[in-house]
Amino acid sequence: MTTTYTNYQLISRDIDRSIERISQQPQVQRETEYYLSRIGDIKSIDDFMADDRIYNYAMKAFGLEDMSYAKAFMRKVLTEGIDNDNAFANQLADGKYKAFAEAFNFNRYGETATVFTRAQQGAVDMYLRQTLEEEAGSDDTGVRLALFFERNASDITSAYSILADEALYQVVRTVLGLSDAFAAGDIDKQADYLKEKLDFADFSDPEKLDEFLQRFTIMWDLENNSAAGIGGSNLLLSSSSGFDISPDLMLTINNLKLGGR
């Protein structure tokens, strides 16, 4: 069994090639060709909602596939747009709704909302990335979490950015060793702890982000993948894979092996 660490590195080190492979899958090709051929003809929210293939493609692109059934909810998101501070999308904790309303901004642009790159190739690029992450997650949830965190890291500006997203918080909890009981506690105390332990600016630094995700993927293996386990971490540390592991990370692994001593 290969490890989360190895699988993540194989994908992330050549992300363009990984996405190109996804784009060539027959089902993905069909849906993408349909989307690009039709999205420019969508002139209203009614048009958008009426074409299930267009709507579902867009929802998946923005990580909202699980909400595809909630058309009344999504109609409200689109109808109110984002220009008013009190708009529905601006009131939702999950920033994906605001991003969706901005990409398909019928409220502001009316019939021309879908002519912009963000609604066309921009949505396609996001769809391909989402599909890549889902495929990786079918084999190893840790890889999907790492790829998701990598994609969204530059948008993390505060503790609440993390707390508002279950997937981002799962990565951080794994790295910091936070229990389920801690995550169920007072939200402001959790935020204070994250502020103390993390420098959010580091997530916009590629090298520091890479080190953070190295730490996550190895610790994920230790906690979740029995075949990787402690033996797997030893194999990683002694391998000639070419992926560097920092001294701090080695110390973390050794402490885990010794039961935290």
Protein backbone atom coordinates (compact mmCIF):
# COMPACT_ATOMS: atom_id res chain seq x y z
CA MET A 1 0.00 0.00 0.00
CA THR A 2 1.39 3.43 -0.93
CA THR A 3 1.12 6.20 1.62
CA THR A 4 -0.90 9.39 1.68
CA TYR A 5 2.38 11.29 1.68
CA THR A 6 3.62 9.57 -1.48
CA ASN A 7 0.30 9.76 -3.34
CA TYR A 8 -0.11 13.45 -2.58
CA GLN A 9 3.41 14.25 -3.72
CA LEU A 10 2.97 12.33 -6.97
CA ILE A 11 -0.10 14.40 -7.84
CA SER A 12 0.92 17.81 -6.52
CA ARG A 13 4.45 17.82 -7.95
CA ASP A 14 3.01 17.69 -11.47
CA ILE A 15 -0.49 19.05 -10.98
CA ASP A 16 -0.87 20.21 -14.60
CA ARG A 17 -0.22 16.72 -15.90
CA SER A 18 -2.61 15.25 -13.35
CA ILE A 19 -5.38 17.63 -14.44
CA GLU A 20 -4.68 16.97 -18.12
CA ARG A 21 -5.18 13.25 -17.46
CA ILE A 22 -8.53 14.00 -15.84
CA SER A 23 -9.60 16.21 -18.75
CA GLN A 24 -9.11 13.33 -21.18
CA GLN A 25 -11.50 10.96 -19.41
CA PRO A 26 -14.47 10.36 -21.77
CA GLN A 27 -17.21 11.39 -19.33
CA VAL A 28 -15.34 14.51 -18.30
CA GLN A 29 -14.69 15.39 -21.94
CA ARG A 30 -18.35 15.04 -22.84
CA GLU A 31 -19.60 17.18 -19.98
CA THR A 32 -16.94 19.82 -20.53
CA GLU A 33 -17.62 20.08 -24.26
CA TYR A 34 -21.34 20.41 -23.58
CA TYR A 35 -20.77 23.06 -20.93
CA LEU A 36 -18.49 25.19 -23.10
CA SER A 37 -20.81 24.89 -26.10
CA ARG A 38 -23.88 26.05 -24.15
CA ILE A 39 -22.89 28.29 -21.25
CA GLY A 40 -22.55 31.40 -23.45
CA ASP A 41 -26.18 30.99 -24.54
CA ILE A 42 -27.46 31.08 -20.96
CA LYS A 43 -29.08 34.50 -20.53
CA SER A 44 -30.93 34.26 -17.22
CA ILE A 45 -31.15 32.42 -13.93
CA ASP A 46 -34.15 30.54 -15.33
CA ASP A 47 -32.06 29.34 -18.29
CA PHE A 48 -29.26 28.35 -15.94
CA MET A 49 -31.53 26.36 -13.66
CA ALA A 50 -33.44 24.72 -16.52
CA ASP A 51 -30.38 23.03 -18.04
CA ASP A 52 -29.45 20.33 -15.56
CA ARG A 53 -26.14 19.51 -17.24
CA ILE A 54 -25.01 23.13 -17.15
CA TYR A 55 -26.26 23.67 -13.61
CA ASN A 56 -24.77 20.45 -12.23
CA TYR A 57 -21.43 21.09 -13.95
CA ALA A 58 -21.23 24.56 -12.43
CA MET A 59 -22.22 23.32 -8.99
CA LYS A 60 -19.53 20.65 -9.03
CA ALA A 61 -16.96 23.16 -10.26
CA PHE A 62 -17.51 25.26 -7.14
CA GLY A 63 -17.56 22.34 -4.73
CA LEU A 64 -21.32 22.61 -4.26
CA GLU A 65 -22.35 19.34 -5.88
CA ASP A 66 -23.99 18.10 -2.68
CA MET A 67 -26.32 21.12 -2.81
CA SER A 68 -27.45 20.59 -6.41
CA TYR A 69 -30.86 19.43 -5.21
CA ALA A 70 -31.49 22.73 -3.37
CA LYS A 71 -32.49 24.79 -6.39
CA ALA A 72 -34.63 27.27 -4.45
CA PHE A 73 -31.68 27.94 -2.14
CA MET A 74 -29.28 28.39 -5.06
CA ARG A 75 -31.75 30.58 -6.92
CA LYS A 76 -31.74 32.93 -3.92
CA VAL A 77 -27.93 32.95 -3.97
CA LEU A 78 -27.92 33.96 -7.64
CA THR A 79 -30.87 36.35 -7.50
CA GLU A 80 -29.43 38.50 -4.72
CA GLY A 81 -25.86 38.48 -6.08
CA ILE A 82 -23.03 39.87 -3.97
CA ASP A 83 -23.12 43.65 -4.36
CA ASN A 84 -25.26 44.27 -1.29
CA ASP A 85 -23.66 43.45 2.06
CA ASN A 86 -26.97 41.91 3.11
CA ALA A 87 -27.17 39.65 0.05
CA PHE A 88 -27.86 36.02 0.90
CA ALA A 89 -24.49 34.73 -0.34
CA ASN A 90 -22.65 37.30 1.77
CA GLN A 91 -24.43 36.08 4.89
CA LEU A 92 -23.41 32.45 4.46
CA ALA A 93 -20.34 31.21 6.33
CA ASP A 94 -19.20 29.06 3.42
CA GLY A 95 -17.44 31.32 0.93
CA LYS A 96 -18.16 28.97 -1.96
CA TYR A 97 -21.64 30.46 -2.34
CA LYS A 98 -20.25 33.96 -2.72
CA ALA A 99 -17.73 32.70 -5.28
CA PHE A 100 -20.54 30.99 -7.19
CA ALA A 101 -22.69 34.13 -7.20
CA GLU A 102 -19.73 36.18 -8.38
CA ALA A 103 -18.92 33.80 -11.24
CA PHE A 104 -22.52 33.68 -12.45
CA ASN A 105 -23.43 37.25 -11.57
CA PHE A 106 -26.84 37.62 -13.19
CA ASN A 107 -27.73 40.19 -10.54
CA ARG A 108 -25.08 42.59 -11.81
CA TYR A 109 -24.69 41.71 -15.49
CA GLY A 110 -28.03 40.25 -16.51
CA GLU A 111 -27.94 38.56 -19.94
CA THR A 112 -24.16 38.98 -20.29
CA ALA A 113 -23.30 37.22 -17.01
CA THR A 114 -21.99 34.09 -18.73
CA VAL A 115 -19.73 35.72 -21.33
CA PHE A 116 -16.89 36.25 -18.86
CA THR A 117 -13.93 33.87 -18.59
CA ARG A 118 -14.77 33.05 -14.97
CA ALA A 119 -18.12 31.56 -16.08
CA GLN A 120 -16.58 29.66 -19.00
CA GLN A 121 -12.99 28.36 -18.91
CA GLY A 122 -12.64 29.44 -15.30
CA ALA A 123 -15.48 27.12 -14.29
CA VAL A 124 -14.00 24.33 -16.42
CA ASP A 125 -10.63 24.63 -14.69
CA MET A 126 -12.35 24.39 -11.33
CA TYR A 127 -14.42 21.40 -12.46
CA LEU A 128 -11.30 19.53 -13.55
CA ARG A 129 -9.57 20.26 -10.26
CA GLN A 130 -12.63 19.14 -8.29
CA THR A 131 -12.78 15.92 -10.31
CA LEU A 132 -9.10 15.27 -9.68
CA GLU A 133 -9.58 15.74 -5.94
CA GLU A 134 -12.62 13.46 -5.88
CA GLU A 135 -10.78 10.74 -7.78
CA ALA A 136 -7.82 10.98 -5.41
CA GLY A 137 -10.19 10.83 -2.45
CA SER A 138 -11.80 7.62 -3.66
CA ASP A 139 -8.49 5.91 -2.87
CA ASP A 140 -7.30 8.02 0.06
CA THR A 141 -9.29 10.72 1.84
CA GLY A 142 -6.07 12.23 3.13
CA VAL A 143 -4.87 12.99 -0.40
CA ARG A 144 -8.13 14.75 -1.23
CA LEU A 145 -7.90 16.81 1.95
CA ALA A 146 -4.31 17.80 1.19
CA LEU A 147 -5.16 18.82 -2.38
CA PHE A 148 -8.18 20.78 -1.16
CA PHE A 149 -6.13 22.59 1.46
CA GLU A 150 -3.41 23.38 -1.09
CA ARG A 151 -5.99 24.89 -3.46
CA ASN A 152 -7.63 27.05 -0.79
CA ALA A 153 -4.64 27.89 1.40
CA SER A 154 -4.04 31.37 0.02
CA ASP A 155 -7.59 32.36 1.00
CA ILE A 156 -7.01 31.54 4.67
CA THR A 157 -6.69 34.86 6.47
CA SER A 158 -7.93 34.05 9.96
CA ALA A 159 -8.82 31.26 12.34
CA TYR A 160 -12.44 31.61 11.34
CA SER A 161 -11.55 30.91 7.69
CA ILE A 162 -10.48 27.48 8.90
CA LEU A 163 -13.26 26.91 11.40
CA ALA A 164 -15.90 27.70 8.76
CA ASP A 165 -14.74 24.87 6.51
CA GLU A 166 -14.83 21.30 7.79
CA ALA A 167 -12.20 20.04 5.35
CA LEU A 168 -9.70 22.81 6.11
CA TYR A 169 -10.22 22.27 9.82
CA GLN A 170 -9.72 18.53 9.48
CA VAL A 171 -6.26 19.16 8.02
CA VAL A 172 -5.35 21.63 10.76
CA ARG A 173 -6.71 19.38 13.49
CA THR A 174 -4.62 16.50 12.22
CA VAL A 175 -1.43 18.57 12.16
CA LEU A 176 -2.04 20.05 15.62
CA GLY A 177 -3.34 16.79 17.10
CA LEU A 178 -6.67 18.27 18.19
CA SER A 179 -9.35 15.91 19.47
CA ASP A 180 -13.02 15.68 18.53
CA ALA A 181 -13.83 16.97 22.01
CA PHE A 182 -11.76 20.08 21.38
CA ALA A 183 -13.51 20.67 18.05
CA ALA A 184 -16.88 20.46 19.81
CA GLY A 185 -15.93 23.14 22.32
CA ASP A 186 -16.35 26.90 22.43
CA ILE A 187 -15.71 28.32 18.95
CA ASP A 188 -13.93 31.45 20.17
CA LYS A 189 -11.56 29.39 22.32
CA GLN A 190 -10.80 27.24 19.29
CA ALA A 191 -10.09 30.37 17.27
CA ASP A 192 -7.76 31.73 19.96
CA TYR A 193 -5.85 28.45 20.01
CA LEU A 194 -5.42 28.43 16.23
CA LYS A 195 -4.19 32.04 16.32
CA GLU A 196 -1.60 31.01 18.89
CA LYS A 197 -0.40 27.95 16.98
CA LEU A 198 -0.54 29.10 13.35
CA ASP A 199 0.85 31.95 11.29
CA PHE A 200 -1.84 32.29 8.63
CA ALA A 201 0.54 34.19 6.33
CA ASP A 202 2.56 30.97 6.01
CA PHE A 203 -0.25 29.45 3.94
CA SER A 204 0.54 31.92 1.15
CA ASP A 205 4.20 30.88 1.14
CA PRO A 206 4.64 27.85 -1.19
CA GLU A 207 7.59 26.41 0.74
CA LYS A 208 5.95 26.73 4.14
CA LEU A 209 2.67 25.39 2.78
CA ASP A 210 4.49 22.39 1.31
CA GLU A 211 6.13 21.66 4.66
CA PHE A 212 2.77 21.96 6.43
CA LEU A 213 1.14 19.51 4.02
CA GLN A 214 4.08 17.11 4.31
CA ARG A 215 3.42 17.11 8.03
CA PHE A 216 -0.30 16.56 7.49
CA THR A 217 0.03 13.66 5.06
CA ILE A 218 2.48 11.75 7.24
CA MET A 219 0.42 12.31 10.39
CA TRP A 220 -2.72 11.30 8.48
CA ASP A 221 -1.02 8.01 7.62
CA LEU A 222 -0.05 7.45 11.23
CA GLU A 223 -3.61 8.02 12.42
CA ASN A 224 -5.67 6.47 9.63
CA ASN A 225 -3.78 4.06 7.40
CA SER A 226 -2.90 0.92 9.31
CA ALA A 227 -0.73 -0.42 6.51
CA ALA A 228 1.33 2.76 6.56
CA GLY A 229 1.45 3.10 10.35
CA ILE A 230 4.73 3.54 12.13
CA GLY A 231 6.48 1.20 9.74
CA GLY A 232 5.24 3.32 6.87
CA SER A 233 6.66 6.45 8.43
CA ASN A 234 10.02 4.73 8.92
CA LEU A 235 9.98 3.72 5.26
CA LEU A 236 9.26 7.30 4.24
CA LEU A 237 12.05 8.67 6.37
CA SER A 238 14.61 6.19 5.04
CA SER A 239 13.50 6.19 1.41
CA SER A 240 15.30 7.79 -1.50
CA SER A 241 12.10 9.26 -2.88
CA GLY A 242 13.64 12.71 -3.16
CA PHE A 243 10.97 14.39 -1.03
CA ASP A 244 12.66 16.28 1.79
CA ILE A 245 11.37 16.02 5.34
CA SER A 246 12.30 18.78 7.75
CA PRO A 247 14.07 18.04 11.07
CA ASP A 248 11.01 19.36 12.92
CA LEU A 249 8.83 16.86 11.10
CA MET A 250 11.23 14.02 11.91
CA LEU A 251 11.06 15.04 15.57
CA THR A 252 7.26 15.03 15.41
CA ILE A 253 7.25 11.50 13.99
CA ASN A 254 9.71 10.27 16.60
CA ASN A 255 7.62 11.79 19.39
CA LEU A 256 4.53 10.06 18.03
CA LYS A 257 6.39 6.75 17.89
CA LEU A 258 7.40 7.19 21.52
CA GLY A 259 3.89 7.96 22.62
CA GLY A 260 4.52 11.69 22.90
CA ARG A 261 7.51 11.43 25.24
